Each structure stands twice: as C-alpha cells, then as structure tokens.
Amino acid sequence: MTDVTVILGSKSDRDVAKKTIGIFDKFGIEHEVTVASAHRTPSRVIEIIDEAHKKDVKVFIAVAGLAAHLPGVVAAHTTKPVIGVPVNAELDGNDSLLSIVQMPPGIPVACVGIGRGDNAGILAAQIIAVNDKELEAKLYDYRKELAQKVEKDALSLFE
C-alpha cells in the first residue's frame, strides 16, 4: 500500500520534492516518487494514476513549474485529493501558482506556496490523519515542536 504518490513534472523539480520526502520520512508515510510530464508524457501520467489507485493511494502530490498543468491533469483522472506544488521556474513561480489554483468547477486542486514541498507533505499527512489517530498524534507533537522553537527564538532574540 502506498499512502501518497508524488509526481514531478521534471527531474529539475527534485529539490522541492526532497522537502516533501523529508516530511514523509519524519512521519513514516509510505510514498512513491516519479517523473511524468503532463505535456510530453500524458499517457505515462495516466498510467501512474491508475497504478496508484491499485495500491490504494490516499493522496497525490504534483510538483510542476512553468505552465504547471500536471496537478490539474492528475485531478482530472482521480477523485483522490490532489495537492499542487508550484515551482519557481519562471516569473518568480507566479505563472505556476496561477495555473494550479485556477481550476474549473468540479476539479479542485489544493495548492501550497511556491516551492513549499514541505507544506505539501504536511497537508498530505493531515489528510491521511483523518483516519489515522497515531499519525494525528504525531502531527500534534510536531506542532508543539514548532511552537517551542518560536518560544526559544523569542527568548534568545537579543542574546
């Protein structure tokens, strides 16, 4: 069983995906990562989605820059949640961001900030945690760690 399938639009998106993988490793989330292009290998994208369904995937993450159609193409072929991660390839990533968030009615794609593969991983974990109390507890502890770091930073601000 694979919890999350991560699809990169190109190999150049791997640094963003490494942030996602780091989150999955931290929380013990089963995942697969591959590369497929919405424009250059559309049939491969569909094959990946079909295979993921057979493995009972819970969430898809699609990382894409430029025209960034990959998240929308994935969403068009599944009813599972799709998280789009825009990449700063051109125009400061704004072109990718807008391509991902401006989906037509009925085919939603969740979207995190430009280059925020880590937030995509957290969002996927939160979706999975709806039916996984152990993961939910891990996420709660993670939030406490984040808060403690801020408190520590506040105390050391002028040291």
C-alpha atoms as a PDB file:
ATOM      1  CA  MET A   1       0.000   0.000   0.000  1.00  0.00           C
ATOM      2  CA  THR A   2       1.225   3.480  -0.856  1.00  0.00           C
ATOM      3  CA  ASP A   3      -0.245   6.432   1.002  1.00  0.00           C
ATOM      4  CA  VAL A   4       0.993   9.163  -1.357  1.00  0.00           C
ATOM      5  CA  THR A   5       2.152   9.269  -4.946  1.00  0.00           C
ATOM      6  CA  VAL A   6       4.359  12.243  -5.768  1.00  0.00           C
ATOM      7  CA  ILE A   7       4.724  13.133  -9.436  1.00  0.00           C
ATOM      8  CA  LEU A   8       7.322  15.643 -10.580  1.00  0.00           C
ATOM      9  CA  GLY A   9       6.835  17.418 -13.878  1.00  0.00           C
ATOM     10  CA  SER A  10      10.570  17.096 -14.499  1.00  0.00           C
ATOM     11  CA  LYS A  11      13.741  15.962 -12.771  1.00  0.00           C
ATOM     12  CA  SER A  12      14.590  19.610 -12.099  1.00  0.00           C
ATOM     13  CA  ASP A  13      11.764  19.647  -9.506  1.00  0.00           C
ATOM     14  CA  ARG A  14      13.591  17.173  -7.240  1.00  0.00           C
ATOM     15  CA  ASP A  15      14.797  19.784  -4.720  1.00  0.00           C
ATOM     16  CA  VAL A  16      11.189  20.728  -3.975  1.00  0.00           C
ATOM     17  CA  ALA A  17      10.277  17.038  -3.710  1.00  0.00           C
ATOM     18  CA  LYS A  18      13.108  16.422  -1.230  1.00  0.00           C
ATOM     19  CA  LYS A  19      11.264  18.677   1.227  1.00  0.00           C
ATOM     20  CA  THR A  20       8.144  16.543   0.821  1.00  0.00           C
ATOM     21  CA  ILE A  21      10.078  13.301   1.236  1.00  0.00           C
ATOM     22  CA  GLY A  22      11.692  14.642   4.406  1.00  0.00           C
ATOM     23  CA  ILE A  23       8.244  15.151   5.927  1.00  0.00           C
ATOM     24  CA  PHE A  24       7.115  11.683   4.861  1.00  0.00           C
ATOM     25  CA  ASP A  25      10.247  10.121   6.359  1.00  0.00           C
ATOM     26  CA  LYS A  26       9.662  12.015   9.624  1.00  0.00           C
ATOM     27  CA  PHE A  27       6.093  10.731   9.928  1.00  0.00           C
ATOM     28  CA  GLY A  28       6.570   7.263   8.420  1.00  0.00           C
ATOM     29  CA  ILE A  29       4.287   7.869   5.446  1.00  0.00           C
ATOM     30  CA  GLU A  30       4.606   5.357   2.611  1.00  0.00           C
ATOM     31  CA  HIS A  31       5.195   7.133  -0.685  1.00  0.00           C
ATOM     32  CA  GLU A  32       6.398   6.794  -4.223  1.00  0.00           C
ATOM     33  CA  VAL A  33       8.077   9.498  -6.290  1.00  0.00           C
ATOM     34  CA  THR A  34       8.359   9.578 -10.062  1.00  0.00           C
ATOM     35  CA  VAL A  35       8.624  11.945 -13.018  1.00  0.00           C
ATOM     36  CA  ALA A  36       5.997  12.408 -15.719  1.00  0.00           C
ATOM     37  CA  SER A  37       5.083  15.391 -17.836  1.00  0.00           C
ATOM     38  CA  ALA A  38       1.507  16.499 -18.438  1.00  0.00           C
ATOM     39  CA  HIS A  39       2.548  17.672 -21.904  1.00  0.00           C
ATOM     40  CA  ARG A  40       5.373  15.377 -23.007  1.00  0.00           C
ATOM     41  CA  THR A  41       4.193  12.073 -21.471  1.00  0.00           C
ATOM     42  CA  PRO A  42       0.448  12.411 -20.809  1.00  0.00           C
ATOM     43  CA  SER A  43      -0.196   8.674 -21.156  1.00  0.00           C
ATOM     44  CA  ARG A  44       2.512   7.992 -18.543  1.00  0.00           C
ATOM     45  CA  VAL A  45       0.724  10.343 -16.114  1.00  0.00           C
ATOM     46  CA  ILE A  46      -2.484   8.356 -16.533  1.00  0.00           C
ATOM     47  CA  GLU A  47      -0.633   5.039 -16.090  1.00  0.00           C
ATOM     48  CA  ILE A  48       0.910   6.314 -12.832  1.00  0.00           C
ATOM     49  CA  ILE A  49      -2.510   7.363 -11.551  1.00  0.00           C
ATOM     50  CA  ASP A  50      -4.049   4.006 -12.475  1.00  0.00           C
ATOM     51  CA  GLU A  51      -1.226   2.110 -10.736  1.00  0.00           C
ATOM     52  CA  ALA A  52      -1.547   4.323  -7.656  1.00  0.00           C
ATOM     53  CA  HIS A  53      -5.259   3.528  -7.445  1.00  0.00           C
ATOM     54  CA  LYS A  54      -4.417  -0.194  -7.409  1.00  0.00           C
ATOM     55  CA  LYS A  55      -2.110   0.489  -4.435  1.00  0.00           C
ATOM     56  CA  ASP A  56      -4.925   2.292  -2.600  1.00  0.00           C
ATOM     57  CA  VAL A  57      -3.181   5.675  -2.694  1.00  0.00           C
ATOM     58  CA  LYS A  58      -4.818   8.266  -0.469  1.00  0.00           C
ATOM     59  CA  VAL A  59      -3.305  11.500  -1.833  1.00  0.00           C
ATOM     60  CA  PHE A  60      -1.471  12.687  -4.925  1.00  0.00           C
ATOM     61  CA  ILE A  61       1.101  15.464  -4.906  1.00  0.00           C
ATOM     62  CA  ALA A  62       2.032  17.010  -8.243  1.00  0.00           C
ATOM     63  CA  VAL A  63       5.067  19.299  -8.428  1.00  0.00           C
ATOM     64  CA  ALA A  64       5.230  21.476 -11.517  1.00  0.00           C
ATOM     65  CA  GLY A  65       6.632  24.691 -12.912  1.00  0.00           C
ATOM     66  CA  LEU A  66       6.003  26.890 -15.934  1.00  0.00           C
ATOM     67  CA  ALA A  67       2.530  26.056 -17.308  1.00  0.00           C
ATOM     68  CA  ALA A  68       2.074  23.704 -14.303  1.00  0.00           C
ATOM     69  CA  HIS A  69      -0.745  21.662 -15.797  1.00  0.00           C
ATOM     70  CA  LEU A  70       0.345  18.451 -14.058  1.00  0.00           C
ATOM     71  CA  PRO A  71      -1.759  18.887 -10.881  1.00  0.00           C
ATOM     72  CA  GLY A  72      -4.873  19.590 -12.946  1.00  0.00           C
ATOM     73  CA  VAL A  73      -4.281  16.629 -15.235  1.00  0.00           C
ATOM     74  CA  VAL A  74      -3.864  14.388 -12.199  1.00  0.00           C
ATOM     75  CA  ALA A  75      -7.059  15.793 -10.659  1.00  0.00           C
ATOM     76  CA  ALA A  76      -8.925  15.147 -13.908  1.00  0.00           C
ATOM     77  CA  HIS A  77      -8.139  11.431 -13.603  1.00  0.00           C
ATOM     78  CA  THR A  78      -8.825  10.774  -9.918  1.00  0.00           C
ATOM     79  CA  THR A  79     -11.285  11.562  -7.168  1.00  0.00           C
ATOM     80  CA  LYS A  80      -8.494  11.375  -4.564  1.00  0.00           C
ATOM     81  CA  PRO A  81      -7.165  14.644  -3.110  1.00  0.00           C
ATOM     82  CA  VAL A  82      -4.516  16.313  -5.259  1.00  0.00           C
ATOM     83  CA  ILE A  83      -2.031  18.813  -3.855  1.00  0.00           C
ATOM     84  CA  GLY A  84      -0.221  21.015  -6.330  1.00  0.00           C
ATOM     85  CA  VAL A  85       3.200  22.466  -5.589  1.00  0.00           C
ATOM     86  CA  PRO A  86       4.154  25.353  -7.868  1.00  0.00           C
ATOM     87  CA  VAL A  87       7.840  25.634  -8.721  1.00  0.00           C
ATOM     88  CA  ASN A  88       9.740  28.850  -9.296  1.00  0.00           C
ATOM     89  CA  ALA A  89      10.853  28.105 -12.849  1.00  0.00           C
ATOM     90  CA  GLU A  90       9.966  31.488 -14.418  1.00  0.00           C
ATOM     91  CA  LEU A  91       8.108  34.654 -13.416  1.00  0.00           C
ATOM     92  CA  ASP A  92       9.027  34.038  -9.749  1.00  0.00           C
ATOM     93  CA  GLY A  93       6.739  30.982  -9.827  1.00  0.00           C
ATOM     94  CA  ASN A  94       3.610  33.101 -10.189  1.00  0.00           C
ATOM     95  CA  ASP A  95       2.779  31.502 -13.541  1.00  0.00           C
ATOM     96  CA  SER A  96       2.860  28.062 -11.915  1.00  0.00           C
ATOM     97  CA  LEU A  97       0.883  29.217  -8.895  1.00  0.00           C
ATOM     98  CA  LEU A  98      -1.916  30.659 -11.001  1.00  0.00           C
ATOM     99  CA  SER A  99      -2.033  27.609 -13.261  1.00  0.00           C
ATOM    100  CA  ILE A 100      -2.564  25.375 -10.243  1.00  0.00           C
ATOM    101  CA  VAL A 101      -5.105  27.436  -8.306  1.00  0.00           C
ATOM    102  CA  GLN A 102      -7.308  28.403 -11.262  1.00  0.00           C
ATOM    103  CA  MET A 103      -9.040  25.078 -11.778  1.00  0.00           C
ATOM    104  CA  PRO A 104     -12.503  24.772 -13.319  1.00  0.00           C
ATOM    105  CA  PRO A 105     -15.532  23.954 -11.160  1.00  0.00           C
ATOM    106  CA  GLY A 106     -15.684  20.342 -10.028  1.00  0.00           C
ATOM    107  CA  ILE A 107     -11.972  19.542 -10.429  1.00  0.00           C
ATOM    108  CA  PRO A 108     -10.287  21.048  -7.361  1.00  0.00           C
ATOM    109  CA  VAL A 109      -6.578  21.040  -6.637  1.00  0.00           C
ATOM    110  CA  ALA A 110      -5.242  22.102  -3.253  1.00  0.00           C
ATOM    111  CA  CYS A 111      -2.236  24.365  -3.649  1.00  0.00           C
ATOM    112  CA  VAL A 112       0.616  25.194  -1.292  1.00  0.00           C
ATOM    113  CA  GLY A 113       3.074  28.058  -1.626  1.00  0.00           C
ATOM    114  CA  ILE A 114       5.697  28.284  -4.328  1.00  0.00           C
ATOM    115  CA  GLY A 115       8.387  25.702  -3.631  1.00  0.00           C
ATOM    116  CA  ARG A 116       6.706  24.558  -0.395  1.00  0.00           C
ATOM    117  CA  GLY A 117       7.137  20.825  -0.796  1.00  0.00           C
ATOM    118  CA  ASP A 118       7.294  20.587   2.992  1.00  0.00           C
ATOM    119  CA  ASN A 119       3.802  22.052   3.357  1.00  0.00           C
ATOM    120  CA  ALA A 120       2.532  19.652   0.698  1.00  0.00           C
ATOM    121  CA  GLY A 121       3.877  16.803   2.813  1.00  0.00           C
ATOM    122  CA  ILE A 122       2.231  18.172   5.950  1.00  0.00           C
ATOM    123  CA  LEU A 123      -1.094  18.696   4.157  1.00  0.00           C
ATOM    124  CA  ALA A 124      -0.979  15.136   2.803  1.00  0.00           C
ATOM    125  CA  ALA A 125      -0.239  13.872   6.325  1.00  0.00           C
ATOM    126  CA  GLN A 126      -3.211  15.821   7.690  1.00  0.00           C
ATOM    127  CA  ILE A 127      -5.497  14.309   5.055  1.00  0.00           C
ATOM    128  CA  ILE A 128      -4.301  10.794   5.896  1.00  0.00           C
ATOM    129  CA  ALA A 129      -4.577  11.520   9.644  1.00  0.00           C
ATOM    130  CA  VAL A 130      -8.345  11.937   9.322  1.00  0.00           C
ATOM    131  CA  ASN A 131      -8.479   8.129   9.613  1.00  0.00           C
ATOM    132  CA  ASP A 132      -5.189   7.532  11.453  1.00  0.00           C
ATOM    133  CA  LYS A 133      -5.109   8.534  15.127  1.00  0.00           C
ATOM    134  CA  GLU A 134      -1.411   7.649  15.518  1.00  0.00           C
ATOM    135  CA  LEU A 135      -0.446   9.987  12.677  1.00  0.00           C
ATOM    136  CA  GLU A 136      -2.754  12.650  14.084  1.00  0.00           C
ATOM    137  CA  ALA A 137      -0.860  12.459  17.405  1.00  0.00           C
ATOM    138  CA  LYS A 138       2.472  12.776  15.588  1.00  0.00           C
ATOM    139  CA  LEU A 139       1.212  15.882  13.794  1.00  0.00           C
ATOM    140  CA  TYR A 140       0.058  17.375  17.084  1.00  0.00           C
ATOM    141  CA  ASP A 141       3.512  16.757  18.585  1.00  0.00           C
ATOM    142  CA  TYR A 142       5.117  18.326  15.515  1.00  0.00           C
ATOM    143  CA  ARG A 143       3.020  21.449  16.006  1.00  0.00           C
ATOM    144  CA  LYS A 144       4.168  21.595  19.625  1.00  0.00           C
ATOM    145  CA  GLU A 145       7.802  21.374  18.442  1.00  0.00           C
ATOM    146  CA  LEU A 146       7.209  24.281  16.048  1.00  0.00           C
ATOM    147  CA  ALA A 147       5.710  26.365  18.853  1.00  0.00           C
ATOM    148  CA  GLN A 148       8.606  25.540  21.176  1.00  0.00           C
ATOM    149  CA  LYS A 149      11.088  26.660  18.525  1.00  0.00           C
ATOM    150  CA  VAL A 150       9.332  30.010  18.224  1.00  0.00           C
ATOM    151  CA  GLU A 151       9.354  30.411  22.015  1.00  0.00           C
ATOM    152  CA  LYS A 152      13.074  29.578  22.099  1.00  0.00           C
ATOM    153  CA  ASP A 153      13.733  32.082  19.308  1.00  0.00           C
ATOM    154  CA  ALA A 154      11.791  34.740  21.239  1.00  0.00           C
ATOM    155  CA  LEU A 155      13.864  34.169  24.372  1.00  0.00           C
ATOM    156  CA  SER A 156      17.166  34.279  22.508  1.00  0.00           C
ATOM    157  CA  LEU A 157      16.354  37.232  20.288  1.00  0.00           C
ATOM    158  CA  PHE A 158      18.742  39.669  21.959  1.00  0.00           C
ATOM    159  CA  GLU A 159      21.285  37.267  23.445  1.00  0.00           C
END
